[in-house]
Protein backbone atom coordinates (compact mmCIF):
# COMPACT_ATOMS: atom_id res chain seq x y z
CA MET A 1 102.31 -136.32 93.86
CA THR A 2 104.59 -135.84 91.34
CA VAL A 3 105.99 -138.22 88.92
CA ALA A 4 109.19 -138.09 87.25
CA LEU A 5 109.17 -139.01 83.94
CA ASP A 6 112.52 -141.01 82.97
CA PRO A 7 112.70 -140.28 78.85
CA SER A 8 115.05 -143.48 78.68
CA HIS A 9 112.69 -145.87 79.43
CA GLY A 10 110.55 -144.12 76.43
CA ARG A 11 113.52 -144.28 74.28
CA THR A 12 114.47 -148.14 75.62
CA ARG A 13 110.45 -149.50 74.65
CA LEU A 14 111.12 -147.71 71.03
CA VAL A 15 113.98 -149.65 70.38
CA ARG A 16 112.15 -152.55 71.70
CA TRP A 17 109.74 -152.51 68.99
CA LEU A 18 112.35 -151.19 66.55
CA GLY A 19 113.65 -154.48 66.88
CA ALA A 20 110.59 -156.26 67.36
CA GLY A 21 109.99 -154.77 63.47
CA ALA A 22 113.00 -155.41 62.31
CA LEU A 23 112.99 -159.24 62.98
CA ALA A 24 109.47 -159.29 61.66
CA VAL A 25 110.86 -157.95 57.83
CA ALA A 26 113.56 -160.64 58.47
CA GLY A 27 111.17 -163.33 58.89
CA VAL A 28 108.61 -162.54 56.37
CA ALA A 29 111.89 -162.08 53.74
CA VAL A 30 113.68 -165.49 54.70
CA MET A 31 110.39 -167.03 54.43
CA SER A 32 109.43 -165.65 51.46
CA GLY A 33 112.62 -166.38 49.89
CA LEU A 34 113.19 -169.93 50.54
CA ALA A 35 108.89 -170.28 49.57
CA VAL A 36 110.53 -169.13 46.16
CA MET A 37 113.60 -170.60 45.96
CA LEU A 38 112.20 -174.66 46.88
CA PRO A 39 110.11 -176.74 45.10
CA GLY A 40 106.55 -177.29 46.58
CA LEU A 41 105.12 -173.87 45.64
CA SER A 42 103.39 -173.28 41.66
CA GLN A 43 104.63 -170.57 39.44
CA GLU A 44 100.68 -169.08 40.36
CA GLN A 45 101.59 -169.05 43.60
CA LYS A 46 105.59 -168.04 44.02
CA ASP A 47 104.44 -164.45 41.87
CA THR A 48 101.49 -164.21 44.42
CA VAL A 49 104.40 -164.50 47.47
CA ASP A 50 106.29 -161.72 45.35
CA LEU A 51 103.85 -159.35 44.80
CA PHE A 52 103.60 -158.84 48.61
CA ALA A 53 107.11 -160.00 49.86
CA PHE A 54 109.29 -158.22 47.52
CA PRO A 55 107.27 -154.53 48.66
CA LEU A 56 106.99 -155.18 51.92
CA SER A 57 110.46 -156.95 52.66
CA SER A 58 112.42 -153.77 50.75
CA VAL A 59 110.65 -151.19 51.78
CA GLY A 60 110.22 -152.71 54.96
CA ALA A 61 114.14 -153.17 55.64
CA GLY A 62 114.93 -149.85 53.98
CA LEU A 63 112.66 -147.92 56.75
CA ILE A 64 114.06 -150.07 59.64
CA LEU A 65 117.59 -149.47 59.05
CA MET A 66 117.18 -145.62 59.03
CA LEU A 67 114.99 -145.57 61.78
CA ALA A 68 117.75 -147.60 63.51
CA ALA A 69 120.60 -145.19 62.23
CA CYS A 70 118.94 -142.72 64.55
CA THR A 71 120.10 -144.39 67.58
CA ARG A 72 123.64 -144.58 66.64
CA ARG A 73 125.50 -141.16 67.12
CA GLY A 74 128.39 -141.72 65.48
CA GLU A 75 127.21 -143.94 62.29
CA ARG A 76 124.00 -142.49 61.62
CA ARG A 77 125.27 -140.63 58.86
CA SER A 78 126.16 -143.82 57.56
CA TRP A 79 123.59 -145.67 58.41
CA LEU A 80 121.05 -143.41 56.91
CA LEU A 81 122.50 -143.27 53.89
CA LEU A 82 122.56 -147.34 53.51
CA GLY A 83 119.26 -147.78 54.61
CA SER A 84 117.89 -144.91 52.23
CA GLY A 85 119.43 -146.87 49.99
CA VAL A 86 117.45 -150.08 50.63
CA LEU A 87 114.13 -148.18 51.00
CA SER A 88 115.18 -146.70 47.28
CA TRP A 89 115.60 -150.23 45.57
CA GLY A 90 112.38 -150.48 47.47
CA VAL A 91 110.53 -147.98 45.56
CA GLY A 92 111.47 -149.63 42.70
CA GLU A 93 110.00 -153.50 43.94
CA VAL A 94 106.61 -151.26 44.94
CA ILE A 95 107.01 -150.22 40.52
CA ASP A 96 107.68 -153.22 39.73
CA GLU A 97 104.79 -155.41 41.21
CA PHE A 98 102.13 -152.36 40.76
CA TYR A 99 102.77 -152.69 37.04
CA TRP A 100 102.68 -156.76 37.55
CA ALA A 101 99.44 -156.91 40.15
CA VAL A 102 97.48 -154.44 37.37
CA GLY A 103 98.66 -156.86 34.23
CA ARG A 104 100.77 -154.11 32.68
CA GLU A 105 104.17 -154.82 31.30
CA ILE A 106 107.05 -152.90 33.44
CA PRO A 107 108.44 -150.48 30.93
CA TYR A 108 112.14 -150.68 30.35
CA PRO A 109 113.59 -148.04 30.76
CA GLY A 110 111.26 -146.55 33.38
CA TYR A 111 110.73 -145.14 36.83
CA SER A 112 111.81 -148.25 38.67
CA ASP A 113 114.99 -147.97 37.34
CA ILE A 114 115.69 -144.30 38.94
CA PHE A 115 115.62 -145.41 42.16
CA TYR A 116 117.26 -149.21 41.29
CA LEU A 117 120.31 -146.97 40.19
CA GLY A 118 119.66 -144.52 42.60
CA GLY A 119 120.28 -147.06 45.32
CA TYR A 120 123.64 -148.51 43.94
CA VAL A 121 124.67 -145.37 44.70
CA LEU A 122 123.40 -144.67 48.61
CA LEU A 123 124.47 -147.87 49.32
CA ALA A 124 128.06 -147.28 48.20
CA VAL A 125 128.12 -143.67 49.36
CA GLY A 126 126.80 -145.12 52.69
CA VAL A 127 128.98 -148.08 53.45
CA TRP A 128 132.39 -144.98 52.48
CA LEU A 129 130.97 -143.00 55.16
CA LEU A 130 130.69 -146.14 57.65
CA PRO A 131 133.15 -144.75 60.92
CA ARG A 132 137.17 -146.46 61.18
CA LEU A 133 139.98 -146.43 63.16
CA ARG A 134 142.83 -144.25 61.53
CA LEU A 135 145.44 -146.93 60.55
CA GLY A 136 149.21 -145.36 60.67
CA LYS A 137 151.27 -144.68 57.32
CA TYR A 138 152.47 -148.20 56.80
CA GLU A 139 149.44 -150.18 57.09
CA ARG A 140 147.29 -147.53 55.01
CA THR A 141 149.22 -148.08 52.55
CA ARG A 142 149.76 -151.91 52.60
CA SER A 143 145.74 -151.44 52.85
CA LEU A 144 145.69 -149.41 49.78
CA LEU A 145 148.50 -151.84 47.72
CA ASP A 146 145.98 -154.81 49.23
CA ALA A 147 142.39 -153.27 48.17
CA ALA A 148 144.13 -151.82 43.91
CA VAL A 149 144.95 -155.70 44.08
CA GLY A 150 141.28 -156.76 44.52
CA VAL A 151 139.86 -153.84 43.59
CA VAL A 152 141.96 -155.17 39.75
CA ALA A 153 141.00 -158.79 39.55
CA ILE A 154 137.33 -157.54 40.96
CA ALA A 155 137.09 -155.67 37.61
CA VAL A 156 138.69 -157.99 35.14
CA VAL A 157 136.59 -161.24 36.89
CA THR A 158 133.43 -159.14 35.90
CA TRP A 159 134.85 -158.14 32.74
CA ILE A 160 135.62 -161.74 31.65
CA THR A 161 132.14 -163.28 33.28
CA TYR A 162 129.69 -160.92 33.05
CA LEU A 163 130.47 -157.24 31.52
CA ASP A 164 131.79 -158.52 28.58
CA GLN A 165 127.93 -159.68 27.57
CA PHE A 166 126.23 -156.33 28.73
CA VAL A 167 128.46 -152.93 27.93
CA VAL A 168 127.67 -152.91 24.57
CA PHE A 169 125.54 -150.71 22.58
CA ASP A 170 123.00 -152.13 20.26
CA PRO A 171 121.98 -149.77 17.48
CA GLU A 172 118.05 -151.07 17.45
CA VAL A 173 117.57 -149.78 21.02
CA SER A 174 117.01 -146.11 22.25
CA LEU A 175 120.33 -144.63 23.59
CA ALA A 176 118.61 -144.25 27.24
CA GLU A 177 118.02 -148.25 27.78
CA ASN A 178 121.64 -148.73 26.29
CA TRP A 179 122.93 -146.01 28.76
CA VAL A 180 120.39 -148.56 31.94
CA ASN A 181 121.85 -151.29 29.97
CA LEU A 182 125.76 -150.01 31.06
CA LEU A 183 124.57 -148.75 34.51
CA TYR A 184 123.23 -151.68 36.45
CA PRO A 185 126.22 -153.84 35.49
CA ALA A 186 128.44 -151.02 36.90
CA GLY A 187 126.15 -150.53 40.03
CA ASP A 188 127.15 -154.54 40.96
CA LEU A 189 130.36 -153.54 40.17
CA ILE A 190 129.90 -150.89 43.10
CA LEU A 191 128.48 -153.13 45.32
CA LEU A 192 131.96 -155.53 45.02
CA LEU A 193 133.44 -152.93 46.02
CA ALA A 194 131.87 -151.63 48.68
CA ILE A 195 132.84 -154.90 50.60
CA MET A 196 136.32 -155.06 49.71
CA VAL A 197 135.24 -151.40 51.99
CA LEU A 198 134.02 -153.39 54.61
CA ALA A 199 136.19 -155.95 54.42
CA PHE A 200 138.85 -153.05 55.47
CA CYS A 201 137.32 -151.40 57.78
CA ARG A 202 138.74 -151.33 61.47
CA THR A 203 135.97 -151.05 64.33
CA GLU A 204 136.35 -149.72 67.86
CA ARG A 205 134.48 -152.81 68.82
CA ARG A 206 135.11 -156.39 68.75
CA PHE A 207 131.89 -158.01 67.62
CA ALA A 208 130.36 -155.32 64.78
CA ILE A 209 128.94 -158.88 63.33
CA GLU A 210 126.12 -156.20 61.71
CA LEU A 211 129.14 -154.73 59.08
CA THR A 212 128.98 -158.77 58.29
CA VAL A 213 125.96 -159.23 57.71
CA LEU A 214 125.20 -156.23 55.31
CA ALA A 215 128.31 -157.37 53.23
CA GLY A 216 126.82 -160.70 53.05
CA ALA A 217 123.03 -158.68 51.99
CA LEU A 218 125.65 -156.66 49.30
CA ALA A 219 127.03 -159.88 48.28
CA VAL A 220 123.64 -161.58 47.76
CA ASN A 221 122.31 -158.46 46.25
CA ALA A 222 125.28 -158.86 43.55
CA LEU A 223 125.12 -162.37 43.03
CA ALA A 224 121.83 -161.97 42.04
CA ASP A 225 121.55 -159.08 39.67
CA VAL A 226 124.67 -161.14 37.58
CA LEU A 227 122.50 -164.20 37.66
CA TYR A 228 119.39 -162.12 36.58
CA PHE A 229 121.40 -160.36 33.63
CA GLY A 230 122.51 -164.11 32.23
CA PHE A 231 119.57 -165.81 32.44
CA THR A 232 117.48 -162.82 30.93
CA SER A 233 120.39 -162.73 28.40
CA SER A 234 119.44 -166.08 27.79
CA ASP A 235 115.36 -166.12 27.77
CA THR A 236 115.78 -168.34 30.69
CA TYR A 237 114.69 -166.13 33.73
CA ALA A 238 111.15 -167.66 33.54
CA ALA A 239 112.24 -170.83 34.71
CA ASN A 240 114.76 -169.82 37.08
CA MET A 241 112.70 -168.14 39.22
CA TRP A 242 114.36 -168.66 42.52
CA ILE A 243 116.58 -165.59 41.92
CA ASP A 244 114.31 -163.89 43.45
CA GLY A 245 114.37 -165.78 46.44
CA MET A 246 117.92 -164.28 46.40
CA TRP A 247 117.17 -160.90 46.71
CA LEU A 248 114.08 -161.36 49.28
CA LEU A 249 117.20 -163.17 51.78
CA GLY A 250 118.97 -160.15 50.40
CA TYR A 251 116.59 -158.02 52.36
CA GLY A 252 115.95 -160.06 55.09
CA LEU A 253 120.00 -159.61 55.80
CA PHE A 254 119.27 -156.38 55.11
CA ALA A 255 116.62 -156.27 57.64
CA ALA A 256 119.20 -158.60 60.42
CA ALA A 257 121.48 -155.99 60.30
CA ALA A 258 119.01 -153.42 61.42
CA TRP A 259 118.11 -155.36 64.22
CA LEU A 260 121.86 -155.83 65.27
CA LEU A 261 122.39 -152.51 65.06
CA LEU A 262 119.70 -151.62 67.95
CA LEU A 263 121.88 -154.00 70.02
CA PRO A 264 124.17 -152.14 72.83
CA PRO A 265 127.65 -151.82 71.42
CA SER A 266 129.73 -154.36 72.78
CA ARG A 267 132.60 -152.37 75.45
CA ALA A 268 135.25 -154.99 74.89
CA PRO A 269 138.41 -153.73 72.77
CA ALA A 270 138.60 -154.59 69.05
CA ARG A 271 140.08 -157.53 68.24
CA ASP A 272 142.35 -156.79 65.00
CA THR A 273 141.26 -158.97 62.66
CA LEU A 274 142.10 -156.89 59.83
CA HIS A 275 144.93 -158.16 58.09
CA ARG A 276 142.93 -161.63 57.80
CA ARG A 277 140.28 -159.97 56.14
CA ARG A 278 142.28 -157.31 53.91
CA VAL A 279 144.16 -160.92 52.30
CA LEU A 280 140.79 -163.02 51.87
CA ALA A 281 139.17 -159.22 50.43
CA ALA A 282 142.08 -158.45 48.29
CA TYR A 283 143.08 -162.04 47.34
CA ALA A 284 140.12 -163.73 46.84
CA PRO A 285 139.03 -162.19 43.46
CA VAL A 286 142.57 -163.17 42.65
CA LEU A 287 141.92 -166.97 42.80
CA ALA A 288 138.37 -166.03 41.00
CA LEU A 289 140.16 -164.99 38.52
CA LEU A 290 142.75 -167.10 37.57
CA LEU A 291 139.96 -169.96 37.84
CA VAL A 292 137.90 -168.19 35.36
CA ILE A 293 141.18 -168.55 32.88
CA LEU A 294 141.97 -171.64 33.93
CA ILE A 295 138.88 -173.14 32.77
CA SER A 296 138.67 -171.18 29.66
CA ASP A 297 138.99 -172.84 26.33
CA SER A 298 142.10 -171.81 25.35
CA ALA A 299 145.19 -174.16 26.15
CA GLU A 300 147.90 -171.34 26.29
CA HIS A 301 145.88 -169.22 28.46
CA ARG A 302 146.09 -172.44 31.25
CA TYR A 303 149.69 -172.45 29.80
CA LEU A 304 150.30 -168.64 30.70
CA THR A 305 148.25 -169.08 34.10
CA LEU A 306 150.01 -172.45 35.20
CA ALA A 307 152.90 -169.96 34.57
CA LEU A 308 152.16 -166.58 37.09
CA VAL A 309 150.85 -169.05 39.35
CA THR A 310 153.97 -170.89 40.11
CA ILE A 311 155.57 -167.46 40.53
CA LEU A 312 153.00 -165.75 42.49
CA VAL A 313 153.60 -168.67 44.52
CA LEU A 314 157.22 -168.32 44.46
CA ILE A 315 157.30 -164.69 44.89
CA ALA A 316 155.00 -165.21 48.20
CA ALA A 317 157.55 -167.89 49.72
CA ARG A 318 160.20 -164.82 49.39
CA GLN A 319 158.32 -162.02 50.97
CA TRP A 320 157.36 -164.60 53.72
CA MET A 321 161.29 -165.44 54.62
CA ALA A 322 161.88 -162.00 54.24
CA THR A 323 159.39 -161.30 56.44
CA ARG A 324 160.53 -163.99 59.00
CA GLU A 325 164.20 -162.24 58.56
CA VAL A 326 162.70 -158.85 59.29
CA LYS A 327 160.92 -160.04 62.26
CA GLU A 328 164.74 -162.31 63.79
CA ILE A 329 166.64 -158.76 62.84
CA THR A 330 164.19 -156.71 64.94
CA GLU A 331 164.20 -158.77 67.77
CA GLY A 332 168.22 -159.37 67.85
CA GLN A 333 168.25 -155.71 67.70
CA ARG A 334 165.37 -154.98 70.92
CA ASP A 335 167.77 -157.57 72.62
CA ALA A 336 171.22 -156.26 72.34
CA MET A 337 170.06 -152.62 73.22
CA LEU A 338 167.93 -153.80 75.86
CA ALA A 339 170.96 -155.70 77.06
CA SER A 340 173.75 -153.00 76.81
CA VAL A 341 171.63 -149.72 77.80
CA SER A 342 172.85 -150.13 80.91
CA HIS A 343 176.49 -150.29 80.04
CA GLU A 344 175.71 -147.06 78.58
CA MET A 345 174.68 -145.48 81.59
CA ARG A 346 177.56 -146.88 83.27
CA THR A 347 179.28 -144.02 83.45
CA PRO A 348 177.16 -141.53 85.18
CA LEU A 349 176.15 -144.40 87.53
CA THR A 350 179.90 -145.11 88.25
CA ALA A 351 180.51 -141.71 89.47
CA VAL A 352 176.72 -141.31 91.57
CA GLN A 353 177.63 -144.80 93.02
CA GLY A 354 181.21 -144.16 93.85
CA TYR A 355 180.45 -140.60 95.57
CA ALA A 356 177.81 -141.88 97.32
CA GLN A 357 179.56 -144.57 99.30
CA LEU A 358 182.58 -142.24 100.05
CA LEU A 359 179.66 -139.63 101.65
CA SER A 360 177.92 -142.91 103.12
CA THR A 361 181.01 -144.50 105.01
CA GLY A 362 183.02 -141.61 105.36
CA TRP A 363 181.57 -138.45 105.84
CA ARG A 364 182.86 -135.70 108.91
CA GLU A 365 186.47 -137.51 107.12
CA PHE A 366 185.83 -134.68 104.33
CA PRO A 367 186.12 -130.85 104.94
CA ASP A 368 183.19 -128.86 104.25
CA ASP A 369 183.99 -127.80 100.64
CA GLU A 370 184.97 -131.61 99.75
CA ARG A 371 181.32 -132.71 101.09
CA GLU A 372 179.84 -129.99 98.65
CA GLU A 373 181.83 -130.68 95.85
CA MET A 374 180.91 -134.27 95.83
CA ILE A 375 177.58 -133.76 96.00
CA ARG A 376 177.31 -131.69 93.17
CA VAL A 377 178.76 -134.12 91.05
CA VAL A 378 176.39 -136.58 92.09
CA ARG A 379 173.47 -133.52 91.25
CA ASP A 380 174.97 -133.03 88.18
CA GLU A 381 175.80 -136.92 87.35
CA ALA A 382 171.90 -137.75 88.26
CA VAL A 383 170.86 -134.81 85.77
CA HIS A 384 173.58 -136.09 83.09
CA LEU A 385 172.16 -139.84 83.17
CA GLY A 386 168.40 -138.35 83.33
CA ARG A 387 169.52 -136.49 80.19
CA ILE A 388 171.36 -139.14 78.46
CA VAL A 389 168.07 -141.49 78.85
CA THR A 390 165.49 -138.89 77.47
CA ASP A 391 168.30 -138.19 74.65
CA ILE A 392 167.94 -142.28 73.87
CA ILE A 393 163.98 -142.38 73.64
CA ASP A 394 164.76 -139.03 71.01
CA LEU A 395 167.11 -141.29 69.01
CA SER A 396 164.86 -144.56 69.02
CA ARG A 397 162.06 -142.79 67.69
CA GLY A 398 164.06 -140.54 64.71
CA ARG A 399 164.09 -137.01 66.75
CA THR A 400 167.93 -136.33 66.74
CA SER A 401 167.06 -133.14 65.37
CA ALA A 402 164.86 -131.95 68.59
CA VAL A 403 168.10 -131.64 70.40
CA ARG A 404 167.44 -128.67 73.33
CA LEU A 405 170.50 -126.35 73.65
CA ASP A 406 171.15 -124.28 76.95
CA ARG A 407 174.16 -121.96 75.68
CA GLY A 408 176.34 -120.41 77.17
CA PRO A 409 180.31 -119.45 77.30
CA GLN A 410 182.00 -122.13 78.97
CA SER A 411 185.70 -122.96 80.37
CA VAL A 412 187.33 -125.95 77.81
CA GLU A 413 189.44 -126.85 80.49
CA GLU A 414 186.87 -127.79 83.19
CA LEU A 415 184.29 -129.35 81.33
CA VAL A 416 186.95 -131.96 79.87
CA GLY A 417 188.01 -132.32 83.81
CA LEU A 418 184.97 -133.12 84.06
CA ALA A 419 184.42 -135.42 81.56
CA VAL A 420 187.07 -137.11 82.43
CA ARG A 421 186.72 -137.25 86.10
CA ALA A 422 183.52 -138.95 85.12
CA LEU A 423 184.71 -142.09 83.76
CA PRO A 424 186.05 -145.28 86.28
CA ALA A 425 190.01 -144.90 88.10
CA ASP A 426 190.81 -147.43 85.87
CA ALA A 427 189.84 -145.72 82.55
CA GLN A 428 191.29 -142.40 83.77
CA LYS A 429 194.49 -143.67 83.72
CA ARG A 430 194.77 -144.38 80.53
CA ILE A 431 193.74 -140.77 79.41
CA SER A 432 195.59 -138.03 78.58
CA VAL A 433 194.79 -134.36 77.99
CA GLU A 434 196.33 -131.56 76.62
CA VAL A 435 193.95 -128.26 76.06
CA GLY A 436 194.74 -124.61 75.22
CA ARG A 437 195.06 -122.24 78.30
CA GLN A 438 191.50 -120.62 79.21
CA LEU A 439 190.04 -121.81 76.09
CA VAL A 440 186.19 -120.99 75.94
CA VAL A 441 183.61 -122.38 73.83
CA ASP A 442 179.82 -121.33 73.20
CA ALA A 443 178.34 -124.63 74.05
CA ASP A 444 175.59 -126.35 76.22
CA PRO A 445 178.18 -127.65 79.68
CA HIS A 446 175.67 -130.62 80.17
CA ARG A 447 175.76 -131.62 76.28
CA LEU A 448 179.17 -130.74 75.34
CA ARG A 449 180.06 -133.06 78.27
CA GLN A 450 177.56 -135.87 77.17
CA ILE A 451 179.92 -135.13 73.51
CA LEU A 452 183.03 -135.83 75.04
CA SER A 453 182.13 -138.37 78.13
CA ASN A 454 180.50 -140.57 74.19
CA LEU A 455 183.86 -140.30 72.43
CA LEU A 456 186.45 -141.08 75.80
CA THR A 457 183.99 -143.96 76.40
CA ASN A 458 184.10 -145.59 72.67
CA ALA A 459 188.17 -144.48 73.02
CA VAL A 460 189.04 -147.11 76.49
CA ARG A 461 186.16 -149.47 74.73
CA TYR A 462 188.29 -149.78 71.25
CA GLY A 463 191.55 -148.73 72.27
CA ARG A 464 194.35 -150.68 73.89
CA ASP A 465 196.59 -148.85 76.09
CA ARG A 466 196.54 -144.85 75.37
CA VAL A 467 193.52 -142.39 74.72
CA LEU A 468 194.43 -138.90 74.02
CA LEU A 469 191.82 -135.30 73.99
CA THR A 470 193.50 -132.51 72.79
CA ALA A 471 191.38 -129.31 72.26
CA GLN A 472 192.99 -126.00 70.39
CA VAL A 473 191.49 -122.86 68.77
CA ALA A 474 190.96 -122.89 64.95
CA GLY A 475 189.63 -120.15 63.46
CA ARG A 476 186.64 -119.03 65.59
CA SER A 477 186.21 -122.60 66.77
CA VAL A 478 187.53 -124.60 69.15
CA VAL A 479 188.83 -128.55 67.61
CA PHE A 480 188.73 -131.55 69.80
CA GLN A 481 190.06 -134.87 68.87
CA VAL A 482 189.80 -137.55 70.92
CA HIS A 483 192.81 -140.45 69.87
CA ASP A 484 193.14 -144.22 70.72
CA ASP A 485 195.21 -146.82 69.69
CA GLY A 486 193.37 -149.32 68.62
CA ASP A 487 192.72 -150.65 65.61
CA GLY A 488 190.69 -148.32 64.07
CA VAL A 489 187.10 -148.29 62.38
CA PRO A 490 187.69 -150.52 58.96
CA LYS A 491 187.08 -148.52 56.24
CA ARG A 492 183.54 -149.94 54.93
CA PHE A 493 181.91 -149.01 58.25
CA GLU A 494 183.10 -145.00 58.23
CA THR A 495 180.00 -144.54 56.99
CA ALA A 496 177.91 -147.04 58.75
CA ILE A 497 178.48 -146.07 62.41
CA TRP A 498 176.96 -142.81 62.13
CA GLN A 499 173.71 -144.57 62.15
CA ARG A 500 171.97 -145.37 65.19
CA PHE A 501 172.23 -148.70 66.78
CA GLU A 502 175.27 -149.50 64.52
CA ARG A 503 178.04 -150.53 66.27
CA GLY A 504 180.09 -151.49 62.99
CA ALA A 505 182.69 -154.17 62.90
CA HIS A 506 181.62 -155.41 66.10
CA ALA A 507 178.31 -155.65 65.53
CA HIS A 508 177.98 -159.41 66.44
CA ASP A 509 181.23 -159.54 69.01
CA PRO A 510 179.32 -160.00 72.65
CA ALA A 511 183.31 -159.36 74.17
CA VAL A 512 182.74 -155.39 73.26
CA ARG A 513 179.13 -154.33 74.47
CA GLY A 514 177.85 -151.10 73.32
CA LEU A 515 174.61 -149.89 72.27
CA GLY A 516 175.37 -148.27 68.88
CA VAL A 517 173.46 -144.80 70.52
CA GLY A 518 176.81 -142.64 71.30
CA LEU A 519 178.36 -141.49 67.62
CA PRO A 520 174.77 -140.81 66.22
CA MET A 521 174.02 -138.77 69.25
CA ALA A 522 177.49 -137.20 69.27
CA ARG A 523 176.64 -135.50 66.07
CA ALA A 524 173.52 -135.05 66.65
CA MET A 525 174.61 -132.57 69.80
CA VAL A 526 177.52 -131.47 67.91
CA GLU A 527 175.46 -130.30 64.69
CA ALA A 528 173.06 -128.74 67.05
CA HIS A 529 175.78 -126.26 68.12
CA GLY A 530 176.66 -125.31 64.67
CA GLY A 531 179.70 -127.37 64.75
CA SER A 532 180.76 -131.00 62.57
CA ILE A 533 182.17 -133.93 63.58
CA HIS A 534 183.91 -136.87 61.39
CA TYR A 535 186.25 -139.89 61.57
CA CYS A 536 189.51 -140.08 60.71
CA GLN A 537 193.01 -142.00 60.97
CA SER A 538 194.62 -141.36 64.35
CA ARG A 539 198.79 -139.85 63.57
CA LEU A 540 199.25 -139.67 66.81
CA LEU A 541 198.32 -142.84 68.08
CA GLY A 542 197.39 -144.88 65.08
CA GLY A 543 194.16 -146.10 65.97
CA ALA A 544 190.94 -143.81 65.31
CA CYS A 545 190.95 -140.41 65.84
CA PHE A 546 187.01 -138.81 65.95
CA GLN A 547 187.72 -135.02 65.51
CA PHE A 548 184.24 -132.36 66.71
CA THR A 549 184.11 -128.47 66.72
CA ILE A 550 181.86 -126.11 68.75
CA PRO A 551 182.02 -122.57 68.03
CA ALA A 552 183.41 -120.46 70.44
CA PRO A 553 181.79 -116.76 72.02
CA GLN A 554 181.74 -113.80 69.41
CA SER A 555 184.09 -111.03 70.12
CA PRO A 556 185.74 -108.06 68.56
CA ALA A 557 189.03 -109.92 68.90
CA GLY A 558 187.84 -113.66 68.25
CA PRO A 559 189.00 -116.59 70.30
CA THR A 560 192.35 -116.40 71.68
CA ALA A 561 195.17 -119.30 70.26
CA THR A 562 196.69 -120.87 73.25
CA ARG A 563 199.65 -123.30 73.36
CA PRO A 564 198.27 -126.53 74.30
CA ARG A 565 199.32 -127.60 78.47
CA ARG A 566 198.57 -131.06 79.30
CA LEU A 567 196.53 -132.23 82.01
CA GLN A 568 196.51 -135.09 83.89
CA PRO A 569 193.06 -135.98 85.52
CA THR A 570 192.77 -137.15 89.23
CA PRO A 571 191.39 -140.01 89.14
CA ALA A 572 187.68 -140.21 91.81
CA ARG A 573 188.18 -140.90 95.39
């Protein structure tokens, strides 16, 4: 009998063994760290604990972290580098403890410093390569600005409290020792910046707690380094060996991160806490900087800091109010758009509904040619309605330049008649049309009808009793003009009305409905044809006049100038 081997079973056993090893290393590191930090052991006993606990905890955490990294496909490279950084520190610990065990003085700088300093670099690169979700343009810019604030604050705080004491050139020691004295504080600064990178790291999973534990491990080690250099500079390190316990706790956290890395990743979607983490990571160092300046000995510094804090609070309050205002304006525009979109599409819907009702109630009363004409109008208006919806979506996304055209020679008289007849019957009665005989344009018929429909709808909406549509030849183009007898467009809104969702003087008038997309779409479609559109005061009716040009078909003779003739549109039945 053949027994099928399940390769996943062996992998599961390996993960379990690695998890047990990670917990064992974490337990040894934490217990040893607490033993060193808490009273109860003699100095000799603490030295013995350090001798065995440091190599075991550091090397064990590094190896377990590297092995655990192999279980994560998309994150393998970054976690391998992180484990290599911890292992590099572990090699340095082994070298130092060897010198300590044989009773020899630890050389400085020595081989262990190479591994310690290399560990900083490996950890920083590993953190930087951690996978993260891509951010949008504005969110990425905000994150970079917040990170810049945090980096500047961290740099100033570490300089005031720490770096300025060590970044000095000592002529009594070797050049190598001076460089090592400089590189260790720089490594701690790199660890602090790596913590900020982790705070700005957005993951796909909700419970990416291994990153939090990793950040804690880096923070504990950086803090222990800062305290160590402070105590060694004052020759008080021997009386404060509890700092060794902090390093051991840091290694324990690295081992805990490895154990968490071995757990199956959660399938739950990510919960967006990036904003809170970004604010905390970026502006906590700013508060620390202010605190450092406040407790300084200079009274002038304290007064300047208080003034700066007051200004920052006022700026923050102002930004909060501005954010609230933008939110309310955005919500108001959204509500207005949703309330008005039905009115923007009323024209084609009215035609479809009217003809559909006529056909459903009196199909046999109409001759075949009239029925076919009504069906054609319904079909064309349905297509027209679909184009309006598409254009509104494109306009809302800022894609007005992506208007697609299906151009060809078109009869102006026919298109004008179709555009007018698509309006409600009461609106048609107010419209007069004057077009030249046999005028032809090189245009997309649906787009040109939409342009005319938008302008006529606006003229009917904002005019009083009369609307006039004219079309005549001017050079190699046909000039269309739509006049009304309303109040016109106030001077201050003549430019603004061409912006999307802008309703000019009627923006806050609930009695005048409109979406504010008719004119922007009309301009986009006119310019797509190679024409131009502008507003002027009507000399014929005294209200508004919107004039646009559409190229005529290119022919050797060019477009023929004809006398305008008045058309009276027939209302829909």
